[in-house]
Amino acid sequence: MWDYPRPPRVEPTARHIVVRHAGQVVADTRRALRVLETSHPPVYYVPPADVVAPRRRSQRQTFCEFKGVATYWEVAGVADAAWSYEDPTPGYEALRGLLAFYPGRFDECTVDGERVTAQPGDFYGGWLTSDVTGPFKGGPGTRGW
């Protein structure tokens, strides 16, 4: 992860991404985009057509110095559980309208069948799997990294 790029890189991935909550599939895709950024586990962005749970735009917004203004979504009844870039900055247009999910807010998120652990903290939303090593930004004392 410390060799991940800064600014972040967006790349397609054929890995099987599944999000489940309350006994239902929320999202299921092999067409995700993966964002890699220094000191962060990967974040997977899912095409809206592969999100089967109901979703509703929230009032929350944040700003990423690279990707622009993030819009948040209630998904499957879970508040601010996903975010998207509806008008991303130049270089990140491929992310337009795709949803990224906070793995810690759902019952189960998997990558190729492996259960994901959420990135520490409650802001970044990275997906930790056995092929990703830290330390990771997001936990106590890492805000200034």
N, C-alpha and C. Protein backbone atom coordinates (compact mmCIF):
# COMPACT_ATOMS: atom_id res chain seq x y z
N MET A 1 0.79 -1.19 0.00
CA MET A 1 0.00 0.00 0.00
C MET A 1 0.83 1.26 0.00
N TRP A 2 2.00 1.21 0.59
CA TRP A 2 2.83 2.41 0.58
C TRP A 2 3.41 2.65 -0.80
N ASP A 3 3.32 1.65 -1.67
CA ASP A 3 3.75 1.87 -3.05
C ASP A 3 2.57 2.23 -3.96
N TYR A 4 1.36 2.35 -3.39
CA TYR A 4 0.22 2.83 -4.17
C TYR A 4 0.47 4.30 -4.53
N PRO A 5 -0.09 4.76 -5.63
CA PRO A 5 0.24 6.11 -6.12
C PRO A 5 -0.46 7.24 -5.37
N ARG A 6 0.13 8.40 -5.52
CA ARG A 6 -0.48 9.66 -5.08
C ARG A 6 -0.14 10.67 -6.15
N PRO A 7 -1.10 11.24 -6.86
CA PRO A 7 -2.54 11.10 -6.67
C PRO A 7 -3.02 9.68 -6.97
N PRO A 8 -4.26 9.38 -6.52
CA PRO A 8 -4.80 8.03 -6.67
C PRO A 8 -4.94 7.61 -8.13
N ARG A 9 -4.85 6.30 -8.34
CA ARG A 9 -5.04 5.70 -9.67
C ARG A 9 -6.36 4.96 -9.70
N VAL A 10 -7.09 5.11 -10.80
CA VAL A 10 -8.34 4.39 -11.04
C VAL A 10 -8.05 3.30 -12.07
N GLU A 11 -8.46 2.06 -11.77
CA GLU A 11 -8.23 0.98 -12.71
C GLU A 11 -9.39 -0.01 -12.69
N PRO A 12 -9.69 -0.59 -13.84
CA PRO A 12 -10.73 -1.62 -13.87
C PRO A 12 -10.24 -2.87 -13.15
N THR A 13 -11.18 -3.62 -12.61
CA THR A 13 -10.85 -4.90 -11.99
C THR A 13 -11.96 -5.89 -12.30
N ALA A 14 -11.57 -7.14 -12.52
CA ALA A 14 -12.54 -8.20 -12.77
C ALA A 14 -12.84 -8.98 -11.48
N ARG A 15 -12.30 -8.51 -10.36
CA ARG A 15 -12.57 -9.20 -9.09
C ARG A 15 -14.06 -9.16 -8.80
N HIS A 16 -14.54 -10.20 -8.14
CA HIS A 16 -15.97 -10.31 -7.84
C HIS A 16 -16.27 -9.58 -6.54
N ILE A 17 -17.00 -8.49 -6.63
CA ILE A 17 -17.34 -7.64 -5.50
C ILE A 17 -18.80 -7.88 -5.13
N VAL A 18 -19.05 -8.23 -3.86
CA VAL A 18 -20.42 -8.46 -3.38
C VAL A 18 -20.59 -7.74 -2.05
N VAL A 19 -21.74 -7.06 -1.93
CA VAL A 19 -22.14 -6.40 -0.69
C VAL A 19 -23.47 -7.03 -0.28
N ARG A 20 -23.56 -7.47 1.01
CA ARG A 20 -24.79 -8.06 1.52
C ARG A 20 -25.20 -7.34 2.80
N HIS A 21 -26.52 -7.27 3.00
CA HIS A 21 -27.02 -6.66 4.24
C HIS A 21 -28.43 -7.19 4.52
N ALA A 22 -28.68 -7.50 5.78
CA ALA A 22 -29.99 -7.97 6.23
C ALA A 22 -30.49 -9.14 5.38
N GLY A 23 -29.58 -10.05 5.06
CA GLY A 23 -29.94 -11.25 4.32
C GLY A 23 -30.14 -11.06 2.83
N GLN A 24 -29.86 -9.86 2.31
CA GLN A 24 -30.08 -9.57 0.89
C GLN A 24 -28.78 -9.13 0.22
N VAL A 25 -28.68 -9.40 -1.07
CA VAL A 25 -27.58 -8.86 -1.86
C VAL A 25 -27.88 -7.40 -2.15
N VAL A 26 -26.92 -6.54 -1.87
CA VAL A 26 -27.04 -5.10 -2.11
C VAL A 26 -26.41 -4.77 -3.46
N ALA A 27 -25.24 -5.35 -3.71
CA ALA A 27 -24.52 -5.12 -4.97
C ALA A 27 -23.72 -6.37 -5.31
N ASP A 28 -23.59 -6.62 -6.60
CA ASP A 28 -22.86 -7.80 -7.08
C ASP A 28 -22.30 -7.46 -8.46
N THR A 29 -20.96 -7.44 -8.57
CA THR A 29 -20.37 -7.04 -9.85
C THR A 29 -19.01 -7.67 -10.09
N ARG A 30 -18.67 -7.78 -11.35
CA ARG A 30 -17.32 -8.07 -11.81
C ARG A 30 -16.86 -6.93 -12.72
N ARG A 31 -17.55 -5.79 -12.62
CA ARG A 31 -17.25 -4.63 -13.47
C ARG A 31 -16.86 -3.41 -12.65
N ALA A 32 -16.33 -3.61 -11.47
CA ALA A 32 -15.97 -2.49 -10.59
C ALA A 32 -14.73 -1.77 -11.10
N LEU A 33 -14.58 -0.56 -10.63
CA LEU A 33 -13.32 0.16 -10.76
C LEU A 33 -12.70 0.19 -9.37
N ARG A 34 -11.38 0.09 -9.35
CA ARG A 34 -10.65 0.08 -8.08
C ARG A 34 -9.81 1.34 -8.01
N VAL A 35 -9.84 2.02 -6.87
CA VAL A 35 -9.01 3.20 -6.66
C VAL A 35 -7.91 2.83 -5.67
N LEU A 36 -6.68 3.09 -6.10
CA LEU A 36 -5.50 2.83 -5.26
C LEU A 36 -4.87 4.16 -4.90
N GLU A 37 -4.62 4.35 -3.60
CA GLU A 37 -4.02 5.59 -3.12
C GLU A 37 -3.07 5.27 -1.97
N THR A 38 -1.94 5.96 -1.93
CA THR A 38 -0.95 5.76 -0.88
C THR A 38 -1.60 5.77 0.50
N SER A 39 -1.24 4.81 1.30
CA SER A 39 -1.65 4.63 2.70
C SER A 39 -3.11 4.22 2.88
N HIS A 40 -3.78 3.83 1.80
CA HIS A 40 -5.18 3.41 1.87
C HIS A 40 -5.36 2.02 1.26
N PRO A 41 -6.19 1.19 1.85
CA PRO A 41 -6.59 -0.04 1.17
C PRO A 41 -7.41 0.34 -0.07
N PRO A 42 -7.54 -0.55 -1.04
CA PRO A 42 -8.34 -0.23 -2.23
C PRO A 42 -9.79 0.09 -1.88
N VAL A 43 -10.38 0.94 -2.71
CA VAL A 43 -11.81 1.23 -2.65
C VAL A 43 -12.39 0.78 -3.98
N TYR A 44 -13.49 0.04 -3.93
CA TYR A 44 -14.13 -0.48 -5.14
C TYR A 44 -15.38 0.35 -5.45
N TYR A 45 -15.49 0.78 -6.70
CA TYR A 45 -16.63 1.57 -7.18
C TYR A 45 -17.46 0.70 -8.10
N VAL A 46 -18.74 0.58 -7.79
CA VAL A 46 -19.66 -0.35 -8.45
C VAL A 46 -20.60 0.40 -9.39
N PRO A 47 -20.76 -0.10 -10.62
CA PRO A 47 -21.73 0.53 -11.52
C PRO A 47 -23.14 0.49 -10.92
N PRO A 48 -23.91 1.57 -11.08
CA PRO A 48 -25.26 1.61 -10.50
C PRO A 48 -26.15 0.46 -10.96
N ALA A 49 -25.95 -0.02 -12.18
CA ALA A 49 -26.77 -1.13 -12.68
C ALA A 49 -26.54 -2.42 -11.89
N ASP A 50 -25.41 -2.51 -11.17
CA ASP A 50 -25.09 -3.70 -10.39
C ASP A 50 -25.43 -3.54 -8.91
N VAL A 51 -26.10 -2.46 -8.56
CA VAL A 51 -26.58 -2.23 -7.20
C VAL A 51 -28.08 -2.53 -7.22
N VAL A 52 -28.47 -3.59 -6.52
CA VAL A 52 -29.86 -4.05 -6.60
C VAL A 52 -30.72 -3.55 -5.44
N ALA A 53 -30.11 -3.04 -4.39
CA ALA A 53 -30.87 -2.55 -3.23
C ALA A 53 -31.36 -1.13 -3.49
N PRO A 54 -32.45 -0.76 -2.85
CA PRO A 54 -32.92 0.62 -2.99
C PRO A 54 -31.90 1.61 -2.42
N ARG A 55 -31.80 2.76 -3.06
CA ARG A 55 -30.88 3.79 -2.59
C ARG A 55 -31.53 5.16 -2.72
N ARG A 56 -31.10 6.04 -1.84
CA ARG A 56 -31.65 7.40 -1.83
C ARG A 56 -30.52 8.35 -1.48
N ARG A 57 -30.44 9.43 -2.25
CA ARG A 57 -29.40 10.44 -2.04
C ARG A 57 -29.59 11.09 -0.67
N SER A 58 -28.47 11.31 0.03
CA SER A 58 -28.50 11.94 1.34
C SER A 58 -28.11 13.41 1.20
N GLN A 59 -28.17 14.14 2.28
CA GLN A 59 -27.77 15.55 2.28
C GLN A 59 -26.27 15.72 2.44
N ARG A 60 -25.58 14.68 2.88
CA ARG A 60 -24.15 14.78 3.18
C ARG A 60 -23.33 14.91 1.91
N GLN A 61 -22.31 15.75 1.98
CA GLN A 61 -21.30 15.86 0.92
C GLN A 61 -19.95 16.09 1.58
N THR A 62 -18.89 15.60 0.94
CA THR A 62 -17.53 15.88 1.38
C THR A 62 -16.72 16.24 0.14
N PHE A 63 -15.48 16.65 0.35
CA PHE A 63 -14.63 17.04 -0.76
C PHE A 63 -13.33 16.26 -0.73
N CYS A 64 -12.97 15.69 -1.87
CA CYS A 64 -11.67 15.01 -2.04
C CYS A 64 -10.80 15.92 -2.90
N GLU A 65 -9.59 16.16 -2.46
CA GLU A 65 -8.69 17.04 -3.20
C GLU A 65 -8.40 16.53 -4.61
N PHE A 66 -8.60 15.25 -4.86
CA PHE A 66 -8.33 14.67 -6.17
C PHE A 66 -9.59 14.47 -7.00
N LYS A 67 -10.60 13.88 -6.39
CA LYS A 67 -11.79 13.45 -7.14
C LYS A 67 -12.94 14.45 -7.13
N GLY A 68 -12.93 15.41 -6.21
CA GLY A 68 -13.96 16.44 -6.17
C GLY A 68 -14.99 16.20 -5.08
N VAL A 69 -16.22 16.65 -5.31
CA VAL A 69 -17.30 16.59 -4.32
C VAL A 69 -17.94 15.20 -4.33
N ALA A 70 -17.99 14.60 -3.16
CA ALA A 70 -18.62 13.28 -3.00
C ALA A 70 -20.05 13.46 -2.53
N THR A 71 -20.95 12.72 -3.15
CA THR A 71 -22.36 12.66 -2.78
C THR A 71 -22.58 11.37 -2.01
N TYR A 72 -23.34 11.42 -0.92
CA TYR A 72 -23.56 10.23 -0.10
C TYR A 72 -24.96 9.67 -0.33
N TRP A 73 -25.08 8.35 -0.05
CA TRP A 73 -26.31 7.62 -0.35
C TRP A 73 -26.71 6.75 0.82
N GLU A 74 -28.01 6.71 1.08
CA GLU A 74 -28.60 5.69 1.94
C GLU A 74 -28.84 4.48 1.04
N VAL A 75 -28.36 3.33 1.46
CA VAL A 75 -28.50 2.12 0.66
C VAL A 75 -29.04 1.02 1.56
N ALA A 76 -30.08 0.34 1.11
CA ALA A 76 -30.70 -0.75 1.87
C ALA A 76 -31.07 -0.30 3.28
N GLY A 77 -31.46 0.97 3.40
CA GLY A 77 -31.86 1.51 4.69
C GLY A 77 -30.73 1.93 5.59
N VAL A 78 -29.49 1.85 5.12
CA VAL A 78 -28.32 2.23 5.92
C VAL A 78 -27.89 3.64 5.50
N ALA A 79 -27.95 4.58 6.44
CA ALA A 79 -27.65 5.98 6.15
C ALA A 79 -26.17 6.19 5.79
N ASP A 80 -25.95 7.02 4.79
CA ASP A 80 -24.59 7.40 4.36
C ASP A 80 -23.67 6.19 4.24
N ALA A 81 -24.17 5.15 3.64
CA ALA A 81 -23.45 3.89 3.53
C ALA A 81 -22.60 3.77 2.28
N ALA A 82 -22.82 4.69 1.33
CA ALA A 82 -22.06 4.67 0.08
C ALA A 82 -21.88 6.11 -0.39
N TRP A 83 -20.92 6.30 -1.29
CA TRP A 83 -20.73 7.62 -1.86
C TRP A 83 -20.42 7.49 -3.34
N SER A 84 -20.58 8.61 -4.04
CA SER A 84 -20.27 8.64 -5.47
C SER A 84 -19.74 10.03 -5.82
N TYR A 85 -19.16 10.12 -6.99
CA TYR A 85 -18.73 11.41 -7.55
C TYR A 85 -19.60 11.65 -8.78
N GLU A 86 -20.57 12.52 -8.64
CA GLU A 86 -21.51 12.79 -9.73
C GLU A 86 -20.91 13.72 -10.78
N ASP A 87 -19.95 14.53 -10.38
CA ASP A 87 -19.26 15.43 -11.30
C ASP A 87 -17.77 15.46 -10.94
N PRO A 88 -17.08 14.34 -11.18
CA PRO A 88 -15.68 14.24 -10.73
C PRO A 88 -14.76 15.21 -11.47
N THR A 89 -13.64 15.49 -10.84
CA THR A 89 -12.64 16.37 -11.43
C THR A 89 -11.96 15.69 -12.61
N PRO A 90 -11.32 16.46 -13.49
CA PRO A 90 -10.61 15.86 -14.64
C PRO A 90 -9.61 14.79 -14.19
N GLY A 91 -9.61 13.71 -14.92
CA GLY A 91 -8.75 12.57 -14.61
C GLY A 91 -9.49 11.47 -13.86
N TYR A 92 -10.66 11.79 -13.31
CA TYR A 92 -11.43 10.82 -12.54
C TYR A 92 -12.83 10.64 -13.12
N GLU A 93 -13.02 11.01 -14.37
CA GLU A 93 -14.34 10.91 -15.01
C GLU A 93 -14.90 9.50 -15.01
N ALA A 94 -14.04 8.50 -15.02
CA ALA A 94 -14.51 7.10 -15.04
C ALA A 94 -15.33 6.75 -13.80
N LEU A 95 -15.18 7.51 -12.72
CA LEU A 95 -15.91 7.24 -11.47
C LEU A 95 -17.32 7.83 -11.48
N ARG A 96 -17.65 8.64 -12.46
CA ARG A 96 -18.93 9.35 -12.47
C ARG A 96 -20.10 8.40 -12.23
N GLY A 97 -20.82 8.65 -11.12
CA GLY A 97 -22.04 7.91 -10.82
C GLY A 97 -21.86 6.52 -10.23
N LEU A 98 -20.62 6.00 -10.17
CA LEU A 98 -20.39 4.69 -9.56
C LEU A 98 -20.45 4.82 -8.05
N LEU A 99 -20.88 3.76 -7.37
CA LEU A 99 -21.01 3.81 -5.91
C LEU A 99 -19.90 3.03 -5.22
N ALA A 100 -19.32 3.67 -4.20
CA ALA A 100 -18.35 3.02 -3.32
C ALA A 100 -19.03 2.80 -1.98
N PHE A 101 -18.84 1.63 -1.39
CA PHE A 101 -19.53 1.24 -0.17
C PHE A 101 -18.57 1.20 1.01
N TYR A 102 -19.04 1.70 2.17
CA TYR A 102 -18.30 1.53 3.42
C TYR A 102 -18.51 0.10 3.88
N PRO A 103 -17.48 -0.74 3.85
CA PRO A 103 -17.70 -2.15 4.20
C PRO A 103 -18.13 -2.36 5.65
N GLY A 104 -17.76 -1.46 6.55
CA GLY A 104 -18.12 -1.61 7.96
C GLY A 104 -19.58 -1.31 8.26
N ARG A 105 -20.32 -0.79 7.29
CA ARG A 105 -21.72 -0.45 7.52
C ARG A 105 -22.68 -1.51 7.00
N PHE A 106 -22.13 -2.56 6.43
CA PHE A 106 -22.95 -3.65 5.89
C PHE A 106 -22.60 -4.94 6.61
N ASP A 107 -23.49 -5.91 6.55
CA ASP A 107 -23.25 -7.19 7.22
C ASP A 107 -22.06 -7.94 6.64
N GLU A 108 -21.88 -7.85 5.32
CA GLU A 108 -20.77 -8.57 4.71
C GLU A 108 -20.43 -7.96 3.35
N CYS A 109 -19.15 -7.75 3.14
CA CYS A 109 -18.63 -7.36 1.83
C CYS A 109 -17.52 -8.34 1.50
N THR A 110 -17.48 -8.80 0.25
CA THR A 110 -16.47 -9.77 -0.15
C THR A 110 -15.79 -9.35 -1.45
N VAL A 111 -14.54 -9.79 -1.59
CA VAL A 111 -13.77 -9.66 -2.82
C VAL A 111 -13.35 -11.07 -3.20
N ASP A 112 -13.82 -11.55 -4.33
CA ASP A 112 -13.54 -12.93 -4.77
C ASP A 112 -13.85 -13.94 -3.67
N GLY A 113 -14.93 -13.70 -2.93
CA GLY A 113 -15.37 -14.63 -1.89
C GLY A 113 -14.71 -14.42 -0.53
N GLU A 114 -13.67 -13.59 -0.45
CA GLU A 114 -13.01 -13.33 0.83
C GLU A 114 -13.71 -12.18 1.55
N ARG A 115 -14.06 -12.44 2.79
CA ARG A 115 -14.72 -11.40 3.59
C ARG A 115 -13.76 -10.24 3.85
N VAL A 116 -14.25 -9.03 3.66
CA VAL A 116 -13.47 -7.81 3.79
C VAL A 116 -13.52 -7.30 5.22
N THR A 117 -12.44 -6.71 5.67
CA THR A 117 -12.40 -5.96 6.91
C THR A 117 -12.39 -4.48 6.53
N ALA A 118 -13.12 -3.67 7.26
CA ALA A 118 -13.18 -2.23 6.97
C ALA A 118 -11.87 -1.54 7.36
N GLN A 119 -11.48 -0.56 6.56
CA GLN A 119 -10.35 0.30 6.90
C GLN A 119 -10.63 0.95 8.25
N PRO A 120 -9.61 1.09 9.10
CA PRO A 120 -9.83 1.73 10.40
C PRO A 120 -10.40 3.15 10.24
N GLY A 121 -11.15 3.58 11.23
CA GLY A 121 -11.75 4.91 11.20
C GLY A 121 -13.10 4.86 10.50
N ASP A 122 -13.73 6.01 10.40
CA ASP A 122 -15.07 6.02 9.81
C ASP A 122 -15.18 6.95 8.60
N PHE A 123 -14.05 7.30 7.97
CA PHE A 123 -14.12 8.24 6.87
C PHE A 123 -13.75 7.64 5.51
N TYR A 124 -12.66 6.89 5.42
CA TYR A 124 -12.10 6.54 4.12
C TYR A 124 -12.78 5.40 3.38
N GLY A 125 -13.18 4.36 4.02
CA GLY A 125 -13.95 3.31 3.36
C GLY A 125 -13.17 2.29 2.56
N GLY A 126 -11.89 2.09 2.86
CA GLY A 126 -11.10 1.09 2.15
C GLY A 126 -11.49 -0.33 2.52
N TRP A 127 -11.19 -1.26 1.60
CA TRP A 127 -11.53 -2.68 1.76
C TRP A 127 -10.25 -3.47 2.01
N LEU A 128 -10.10 -4.01 3.23
CA LEU A 128 -8.92 -4.80 3.59
C LEU A 128 -9.15 -6.27 3.31
N THR A 129 -8.25 -6.86 2.53
CA THR A 129 -8.24 -8.29 2.26
C THR A 129 -6.85 -8.82 2.58
N SER A 130 -6.68 -10.13 2.53
CA SER A 130 -5.40 -10.74 2.91
C SER A 130 -4.24 -10.33 2.01
N ASP A 131 -4.52 -9.81 0.82
CA ASP A 131 -3.44 -9.41 -0.09
C ASP A 131 -3.05 -7.94 0.06
N VAL A 132 -3.56 -7.27 1.09
CA VAL A 132 -3.27 -5.86 1.33
C VAL A 132 -2.61 -5.74 2.70
N THR A 133 -1.45 -5.07 2.77
CA THR A 133 -0.75 -4.90 4.03
C THR A 133 -0.62 -3.43 4.40
N GLY A 134 -0.57 -3.13 5.69
CA GLY A 134 -0.54 -1.75 6.18
C GLY A 134 0.83 -1.35 6.66
N PRO A 135 0.89 -0.31 7.48
CA PRO A 135 -0.21 0.33 8.19
C PRO A 135 -1.09 1.16 7.26
N PHE A 136 -2.30 1.46 7.76
CA PHE A 136 -3.30 2.17 6.98
C PHE A 136 -3.69 3.48 7.63
N LYS A 137 -3.91 4.47 6.82
CA LYS A 137 -4.46 5.72 7.31
C LYS A 137 -5.90 5.49 7.74
N GLY A 138 -6.33 6.21 8.77
CA GLY A 138 -7.71 6.12 9.21
C GLY A 138 -7.86 5.84 10.70
N GLY A 139 -6.89 5.15 11.29
CA GLY A 139 -6.98 4.86 12.70
C GLY A 139 -6.52 6.04 13.54
N PRO A 140 -6.61 5.93 14.85
CA PRO A 140 -6.18 7.02 15.73
C PRO A 140 -4.73 7.42 15.45
N GLY A 141 -4.48 8.72 15.38
CA GLY A 141 -3.14 9.25 15.18
C GLY A 141 -2.65 9.28 13.74
N THR A 142 -3.49 8.92 12.78
CA THR A 142 -3.04 8.85 11.38
C THR A 142 -3.59 9.99 10.53
N ARG A 143 -4.34 10.88 11.08
CA ARG A 143 -5.00 11.92 10.29
C ARG A 143 -3.99 12.76 9.50
N GLY A 144 -2.84 13.06 10.04
CA GLY A 144 -1.86 13.91 9.37
C GLY A 144 -0.90 13.21 8.42
N TRP A 145 -1.07 11.91 8.20
CA TRP A 145 -0.15 11.19 7.32
C TRP A 145 -0.21 11.73 5.91
